[in-house]
């Protein structure tokens, strides 16, 4: 995890901790009124944003990290509009401005949630099996299509509403099926390289003998052996090809 990701993670935990404390105080102190409702709405909004940020920080590859940055920006914009809708009387600004705010919030929320889902899947799908790769691509395509259709519903009403809703439902089912299946595969089957290396009894005996002769710990012997192997392998890969003619 990079320094920026660590900072974002700590800031997220701190922000949600403060918001959670405010929410608890609003529930326990005084009568429940408009102010308490707004504080709870703020707590809920920051909590949802915190979960989304954890998803944005999950990927480790370049594409996933870049997508997470985009999601982080859209998530902050979504949170900002949510706080405006919670704390300000937007109906006093005019119906057109209020409608624009609600539509913008819906569109940004859809994009933020979709990116969070895709980032989570990127971090979990580490299996190179063709079936898993195919299912991952299908799920990402379904999630993207679902987001586009939801945004269309928010912005304007489609001409064929019935078939539009039917198609949206089919895509949503495919998206949900793919997401649940990929998570289940990751949790119960694991990635191909997730299994820890195990030392054979013979190798363990050699390590113990060398550590006893040199007066060092077995872990020190193992670390040195791995370092020597990696160094030699790197040097061999960078060496010029031998002339066999």
Protein backbone atom coordinates (compact mmCIF):
# COMPACT_ATOMS: atom_id res chain seq x y z
CA UNK A 1 0.00 0.00 0.00
CA UNK A 2 1.41 3.38 -1.04
CA UNK A 3 1.83 6.36 1.28
CA UNK A 4 -1.13 8.13 -0.36
CA UNK A 5 -3.34 5.08 0.12
CA UNK A 6 -2.32 4.81 3.79
CA UNK A 7 -3.10 8.49 4.31
CA UNK A 8 -6.51 8.12 2.62
CA UNK A 9 -7.28 5.05 4.74
CA UNK A 10 -6.37 6.80 8.00
CA UNK A 11 -8.34 9.90 7.01
CA UNK A 12 -11.35 7.74 6.17
CA UNK A 13 -11.27 5.95 9.51
CA UNK A 14 -10.82 9.23 11.40
CA UNK A 15 -13.63 10.97 9.51
CA UNK A 16 -16.08 8.14 10.02
CA UNK A 17 -15.08 7.88 13.68
CA UNK A 18 -15.92 11.55 14.23
CA UNK A 19 -19.18 11.21 12.28
CA UNK A 20 -20.12 8.10 14.26
CA UNK A 21 -19.51 9.94 17.54
CA UNK A 22 -21.71 12.80 16.32
CA UNK A 23 -24.46 10.33 15.39
CA UNK A 24 -24.36 8.65 18.80
CA UNK A 25 -24.46 12.03 20.53
CA UNK A 26 -27.45 13.08 18.40
CA UNK A 27 -29.36 9.96 19.45
CA UNK A 28 -28.56 10.17 23.16
CA UNK A 29 -28.70 13.92 23.83
CA UNK A 30 -31.84 16.05 23.82
CA UNK A 31 -35.05 15.55 21.89
CA UNK A 32 -34.97 14.05 18.44
CA UNK A 33 -35.69 16.83 15.97
CA UNK A 34 -34.61 18.34 12.69
CA UNK A 35 -31.01 18.91 13.82
CA UNK A 36 -30.59 15.34 15.05
CA UNK A 37 -32.02 14.01 11.79
CA UNK A 38 -29.52 16.03 9.79
CA UNK A 39 -26.64 14.84 11.97
CA UNK A 40 -27.71 11.23 11.46
CA UNK A 41 -28.03 11.85 7.73
CA UNK A 42 -24.49 13.23 7.72
CA UNK A 43 -23.23 10.22 9.67
CA UNK A 44 -24.90 7.82 7.25
CA UNK A 45 -23.52 9.67 4.21
CA UNK A 46 -19.96 9.68 5.55
CA UNK A 47 -20.30 6.02 6.51
CA UNK A 48 -21.35 5.03 2.99
CA UNK A 49 -18.52 7.12 1.55
CA UNK A 50 -16.05 5.42 3.91
CA UNK A 51 -17.09 1.98 2.70
CA UNK A 52 -16.75 3.14 -0.90
CA UNK A 53 -13.25 4.51 -0.23
CA UNK A 54 -12.18 1.14 1.16
CA UNK A 55 -13.29 -0.38 -2.14
CA UNK A 56 -11.40 2.30 -4.11
CA UNK A 57 -8.21 1.51 -2.16
CA UNK A 58 -8.51 -2.26 -2.62
CA UNK A 59 -6.94 -2.76 -6.10
CA UNK A 60 -3.17 -3.11 -6.35
CA UNK A 61 -2.63 -3.00 -10.12
CA UNK A 62 -2.25 0.18 -12.17
CA UNK A 63 -5.66 0.13 -13.86
CA UNK A 64 -7.46 -0.57 -10.58
CA UNK A 65 -5.58 2.22 -8.81
CA UNK A 66 -6.43 4.74 -11.53
CA UNK A 67 -10.07 3.66 -11.45
CA UNK A 68 -10.03 4.03 -7.67
CA UNK A 69 -8.80 7.63 -8.00
CA UNK A 70 -11.69 8.41 -10.36
CA UNK A 71 -14.09 6.76 -7.93
CA UNK A 72 -12.64 8.74 -5.03
CA UNK A 73 -13.23 12.02 -6.88
CA UNK A 74 -16.81 11.13 -7.86
CA UNK A 75 -17.44 9.89 -4.33
CA UNK A 76 -16.34 13.20 -2.82
CA UNK A 77 -18.59 15.07 -5.26
CA UNK A 78 -21.49 12.79 -4.31
CA UNK A 79 -20.86 13.38 -0.60
CA UNK A 80 -20.67 17.14 -1.12
CA UNK A 81 -24.06 17.24 -2.87
CA UNK A 82 -25.54 14.95 -0.21
CA UNK A 83 -24.42 17.32 2.55
CA UNK A 84 -25.89 20.27 0.66
CA UNK A 85 -29.24 18.45 0.36
CA UNK A 86 -29.14 17.54 4.06
CA UNK A 87 -28.17 20.89 5.57
CA UNK A 88 -29.68 23.47 3.22
CA UNK A 89 -33.27 24.27 2.29
CA UNK A 90 -32.76 23.69 -1.40
CA UNK A 91 -36.42 24.30 -2.26
CA UNK A 92 -35.81 27.98 -1.54
CA UNK A 93 -33.28 28.09 -4.39
CA UNK A 94 -35.91 27.34 -7.02
CA UNK A 95 -37.35 24.13 -8.41
CA UNK A 96 -34.90 23.95 -11.33
CA UNK A 97 -31.82 24.18 -9.09
CA UNK A 98 -33.26 21.65 -6.65
CA UNK A 99 -34.09 19.24 -9.47
CA UNK A 100 -30.58 19.63 -10.89
CA UNK A 101 -29.07 18.86 -7.48
CA UNK A 102 -31.14 15.71 -7.02
CA UNK A 103 -30.42 14.46 -10.54
CA UNK A 104 -26.70 15.19 -10.14
CA UNK A 105 -26.69 13.37 -6.82
CA UNK A 106 -28.41 10.33 -8.35
CA UNK A 107 -26.04 10.17 -11.32
CA UNK A 108 -22.89 10.63 -9.24
CA UNK A 109 -24.08 8.10 -6.67
CA UNK A 110 -24.65 5.56 -9.43
CA UNK A 111 -21.19 6.13 -10.90
CA UNK A 112 -19.50 6.03 -7.48
CA UNK A 113 -21.22 2.80 -6.47
CA UNK A 114 -20.41 1.14 -9.79
CA UNK A 115 -16.73 2.07 -9.59
CA UNK A 116 -16.60 0.81 -5.99
CA UNK A 117 -18.07 -2.51 -7.11
CA UNK A 118 -15.61 -2.88 -9.99
CA UNK A 119 -12.64 -1.95 -7.76
CA UNK A 120 -13.71 -4.56 -5.23
CA UNK A 121 -13.96 -7.21 -7.94
CA UNK A 122 -10.55 -6.25 -9.35
CA UNK A 123 -8.99 -6.72 -5.92
CA UNK A 124 -10.64 -10.09 -5.40
CA UNK A 125 -10.28 -11.65 -8.85
CA UNK A 126 -6.71 -12.92 -8.94
CA UNK A 127 -7.39 -16.18 -10.71
CA UNK A 128 -6.10 -16.60 -14.24
CA UNK A 129 -8.57 -19.34 -15.13
CA UNK A 130 -10.42 -18.52 -18.38
CA UNK A 131 -13.84 -19.06 -16.82
CA UNK A 132 -13.14 -16.62 -13.98
CA UNK A 133 -11.71 -14.03 -16.38
CA UNK A 134 -14.72 -14.36 -18.67
CA UNK A 135 -17.15 -14.03 -15.76
CA UNK A 136 -15.28 -10.99 -14.44
CA UNK A 137 -15.47 -9.21 -17.80
CA UNK A 138 -19.16 -10.07 -18.16
CA UNK A 139 -19.88 -8.72 -14.67
CA UNK A 140 -17.99 -5.48 -15.31
CA UNK A 141 -19.86 -5.04 -18.59
CA UNK A 142 -23.20 -5.69 -16.88
CA UNK A 143 -22.38 -3.27 -14.04
CA UNK A 144 -21.40 -0.56 -16.51
CA UNK A 145 -24.52 -1.11 -18.61
CA UNK A 146 -26.70 -1.06 -15.51
CA UNK A 147 -25.16 2.24 -14.41
CA UNK A 148 -25.80 3.80 -17.83
CA UNK A 149 -29.43 2.67 -17.81
CA UNK A 150 -30.01 4.00 -14.28
CA UNK A 151 -28.54 7.36 -15.29
CA UNK A 152 -30.86 7.44 -18.32
CA UNK A 153 -33.82 6.85 -16.00
CA UNK A 154 -32.67 9.67 -13.74
CA UNK A 155 -32.00 12.21 -16.47
CA UNK A 156 -34.87 11.47 -18.85
CA UNK A 157 -37.73 9.04 -19.30
CA UNK A 158 -37.13 6.47 -22.09
CA UNK A 159 -39.71 6.05 -24.84
CA UNK A 160 -40.32 2.33 -24.23
CA UNK A 161 -40.50 2.27 -20.44
CA UNK A 162 -41.73 -1.32 -20.06
CA UNK A 163 -39.01 -2.93 -22.18
CA UNK A 164 -36.43 -0.60 -20.71
CA UNK A 165 -37.32 -1.75 -17.18
CA UNK A 166 -37.34 -5.40 -18.28
CA UNK A 167 -33.89 -5.06 -19.83
CA UNK A 168 -32.62 -3.22 -16.77
CA UNK A 169 -33.86 -6.05 -14.56
CA UNK A 170 -32.11 -8.69 -16.67
CA UNK A 171 -28.82 -6.78 -16.59
CA UNK A 172 -29.16 -6.23 -12.83
CA UNK A 173 -29.63 -9.97 -12.28
CA UNK A 174 -26.56 -10.77 -14.40
CA UNK A 175 -24.58 -8.18 -12.46
CA UNK A 176 -25.66 -9.56 -9.09
CA UNK A 177 -25.04 -13.17 -10.15
CA UNK A 178 -21.55 -12.39 -11.44
CA UNK A 179 -20.61 -10.37 -8.37
CA UNK A 180 -21.78 -13.00 -5.88
CA UNK A 181 -20.16 -15.83 -7.86
CA UNK A 182 -16.80 -14.06 -8.15
CA UNK A 183 -16.76 -13.25 -4.43
CA UNK A 184 -17.67 -16.85 -3.60
CA UNK A 185 -14.88 -18.17 -5.84
CA UNK A 186 -12.37 -15.87 -4.17
CA UNK A 187 -13.48 -16.69 -0.63
CA UNK A 188 -13.88 -20.44 -0.91
CA UNK A 189 -11.42 -21.38 -3.66
CA UNK A 190 -8.79 -18.67 -3.25
CA UNK A 191 -6.26 -17.38 -5.73
CA UNK A 192 -3.82 -19.83 -7.36
CA UNK A 193 -0.84 -18.25 -5.60
CA UNK A 194 -2.52 -17.75 -2.23
CA UNK A 195 -1.23 -21.02 -0.74
CA UNK A 196 1.77 -20.53 1.52
CA UNK A 197 5.00 -22.32 0.73
CA UNK A 198 5.79 -25.28 2.98
CA UNK A 199 9.24 -26.62 3.75
CA UNK A 200 9.86 -30.32 3.35
CA UNK A 201 11.31 -32.21 6.35
CA UNK A 202 14.63 -32.60 4.49
CA UNK A 203 14.92 -28.85 3.81
CA UNK A 204 13.95 -28.05 7.38
CA UNK A 205 16.65 -30.42 8.69
CA UNK A 206 19.30 -28.77 6.48
CA UNK A 207 18.30 -25.32 7.72
CA UNK A 208 18.51 -26.45 11.33
CA UNK A 209 21.95 -28.01 10.79
CA UNK A 210 23.36 -24.87 9.13
CA UNK A 211 21.87 -22.60 11.78
CA UNK A 212 23.43 -24.75 14.52
CA UNK A 213 26.86 -24.69 12.81
CA UNK A 214 26.83 -20.91 12.30
CA UNK A 215 25.11 -20.01 15.55
CA UNK A 216 22.29 -18.08 13.87
CA UNK A 217 18.54 -18.55 13.75
CA UNK A 218 16.91 -20.83 11.15
CA UNK A 219 15.00 -17.80 9.81
CA UNK A 220 18.31 -16.01 9.16
CA UNK A 221 19.59 -19.00 7.17
CA UNK A 222 16.39 -19.15 5.14
CA UNK A 223 16.45 -15.40 4.42
CA UNK A 224 20.08 -15.57 3.25
CA UNK A 225 19.37 -18.54 0.99
CA UNK A 226 16.41 -16.77 -0.63
CA UNK A 227 18.40 -13.55 -1.10
CA UNK A 228 21.26 -15.44 -2.76
CA UNK A 229 18.84 -17.30 -5.02
CA UNK A 230 17.02 -14.12 -6.08
CA UNK A 231 20.31 -12.28 -6.69
CA UNK A 232 21.72 -15.09 -8.83
CA UNK A 233 18.46 -15.48 -10.76
CA UNK A 234 18.33 -11.74 -11.47
CA UNK A 235 21.96 -11.68 -12.62
CA UNK A 236 21.37 -14.69 -14.87
CA UNK A 237 18.32 -13.09 -16.48
CA UNK A 238 20.27 -9.91 -17.23
CA UNK A 239 23.34 -11.68 -18.63
CA UNK A 240 23.90 -11.48 -22.42
CA UNK A 241 23.01 -14.62 -24.41
CA UNK A 242 25.83 -17.10 -24.91
CA UNK A 243 27.20 -17.65 -28.40
CA UNK A 244 26.74 -21.36 -29.12
CA UNK A 245 28.10 -21.24 -32.69
